[in-house]
Amino acid sequence: MLGLELAKCLTARSIRAADLARMMARRKTPITAQYIGLLLHGKRSVTPVTLINISAAMQLTEGEAQVLHRAAAIEAGFRIGGLA
């Protein structure tokens, strides 16, 4: 679920995983393109702080960031409702 929502944000901004990795490195919060790929395919979980940093690097709106956080929480097993 997080992977799908993150992919939507990346696609909307024409950003690739490698681009996001470079953006994160510039913010002094490096993550690899491989890790981003694992997130996109649902093979890794993400911490709230990392998701905050990804949202900031991509300059997401508050609403877009909330969608990512909700998707991550649902993926982690929290029952907080669907994506809205």
Protein backbone atom coordinates (compact mmCIF):
# COMPACT_ATOMS: atom_id res chain seq x y z
CA MET A 1 0.00 0.00 0.00
CA LEU A 2 2.81 2.44 0.89
CA GLY A 3 4.64 1.41 -2.26
CA LEU A 4 1.66 2.27 -4.44
CA GLU A 5 1.14 5.66 -2.80
CA LEU A 6 4.86 6.48 -2.94
CA ALA A 7 4.94 5.46 -6.60
CA LYS A 8 2.03 7.82 -7.31
CA CYS A 9 3.92 10.71 -5.68
CA LEU A 10 7.10 9.90 -7.58
CA THR A 11 5.28 9.58 -10.90
CA ALA A 12 3.37 12.82 -10.38
CA ARG A 13 6.69 14.62 -10.00
CA SER A 14 8.61 12.63 -12.63
CA ILE A 15 11.08 11.48 -9.97
CA ARG A 16 12.88 8.13 -10.13
CA ALA A 17 14.16 6.18 -7.12
CA ALA A 18 17.72 7.26 -7.95
CA ASP A 19 16.59 10.90 -8.09
CA LEU A 20 14.94 10.61 -4.68
CA ALA A 21 18.09 8.99 -3.26
CA ARG A 22 20.14 11.97 -4.48
CA MET A 23 17.59 14.39 -3.04
CA MET A 24 17.79 12.62 0.32
CA ALA A 25 21.60 12.69 0.29
CA ARG A 26 21.52 16.46 -0.27
CA ARG A 27 19.30 16.76 2.81
CA LYS A 28 21.89 14.82 4.86
CA THR A 29 19.40 11.95 5.28
CA PRO A 30 20.82 9.43 2.83
CA ILE A 31 18.87 6.38 1.75
CA THR A 32 19.73 4.25 -1.24
CA ALA A 33 17.81 3.82 -4.46
CA GLN A 34 17.71 0.10 -3.61
CA TYR A 35 15.96 0.84 -0.31
CA ILE A 36 13.45 3.05 -2.13
CA GLY A 37 12.87 0.19 -4.57
CA LEU A 38 12.19 -2.15 -1.66
CA LEU A 39 9.68 0.36 -0.26
CA LEU A 40 7.99 0.61 -3.65
CA HIS A 41 7.62 -3.18 -3.78
CA GLY A 42 6.43 -3.57 -0.19
CA LYS A 43 9.53 -5.49 0.88
CA ARG A 44 10.66 -3.03 3.57
CA SER A 45 8.94 -0.96 6.21
CA VAL A 46 9.71 2.67 6.86
CA THR A 47 10.12 4.66 10.06
CA PRO A 48 8.03 7.78 10.61
CA VAL A 49 11.17 9.95 10.58
CA THR A 50 12.30 8.52 7.25
CA LEU A 51 8.85 9.10 5.79
CA ILE A 52 8.89 12.68 7.06
CA ASN A 53 12.26 13.19 5.38
CA ILE A 54 11.08 11.61 2.12
CA SER A 55 7.99 13.85 2.15
CA ALA A 56 10.12 16.94 2.76
CA ALA A 57 12.63 16.03 0.07
CA MET A 58 9.84 15.55 -2.46
CA GLN A 59 8.09 18.72 -1.25
CA LEU A 60 4.82 16.89 -0.75
CA THR A 61 1.75 18.73 0.43
CA GLU A 62 0.53 18.01 3.94
CA GLY A 63 -2.29 15.94 2.46
CA GLU A 64 0.07 13.87 0.31
CA ALA A 65 2.35 13.25 3.29
CA GLN A 66 -0.63 12.14 5.38
CA VAL A 67 -1.62 9.64 2.70
CA LEU A 68 1.89 8.14 2.83
CA HIS A 69 1.85 7.98 6.63
CA ARG A 70 -1.58 6.37 6.66
CA ALA A 71 -0.51 3.82 4.05
CA ALA A 72 2.61 2.97 6.09
CA ALA A 73 0.54 2.57 9.26
CA ILE A 74 -2.00 0.32 7.53
CA GLU A 75 0.82 -1.72 6.04
CA ALA A 76 2.29 -2.12 9.54
CA GLY A 77 -1.02 -3.59 10.71
CA PHE A 78 -2.69 -0.61 12.34
CA ARG A 79 -6.45 -0.45 11.86
CA ILE A 80 -6.94 3.22 11.14
CA GLY A 81 -9.28 3.14 8.18
CA GLY A 82 -8.76 3.37 4.47
CA LEU A 83 -7.05 5.95 2.38
CA ALA A 84 -9.09 9.07 1.83
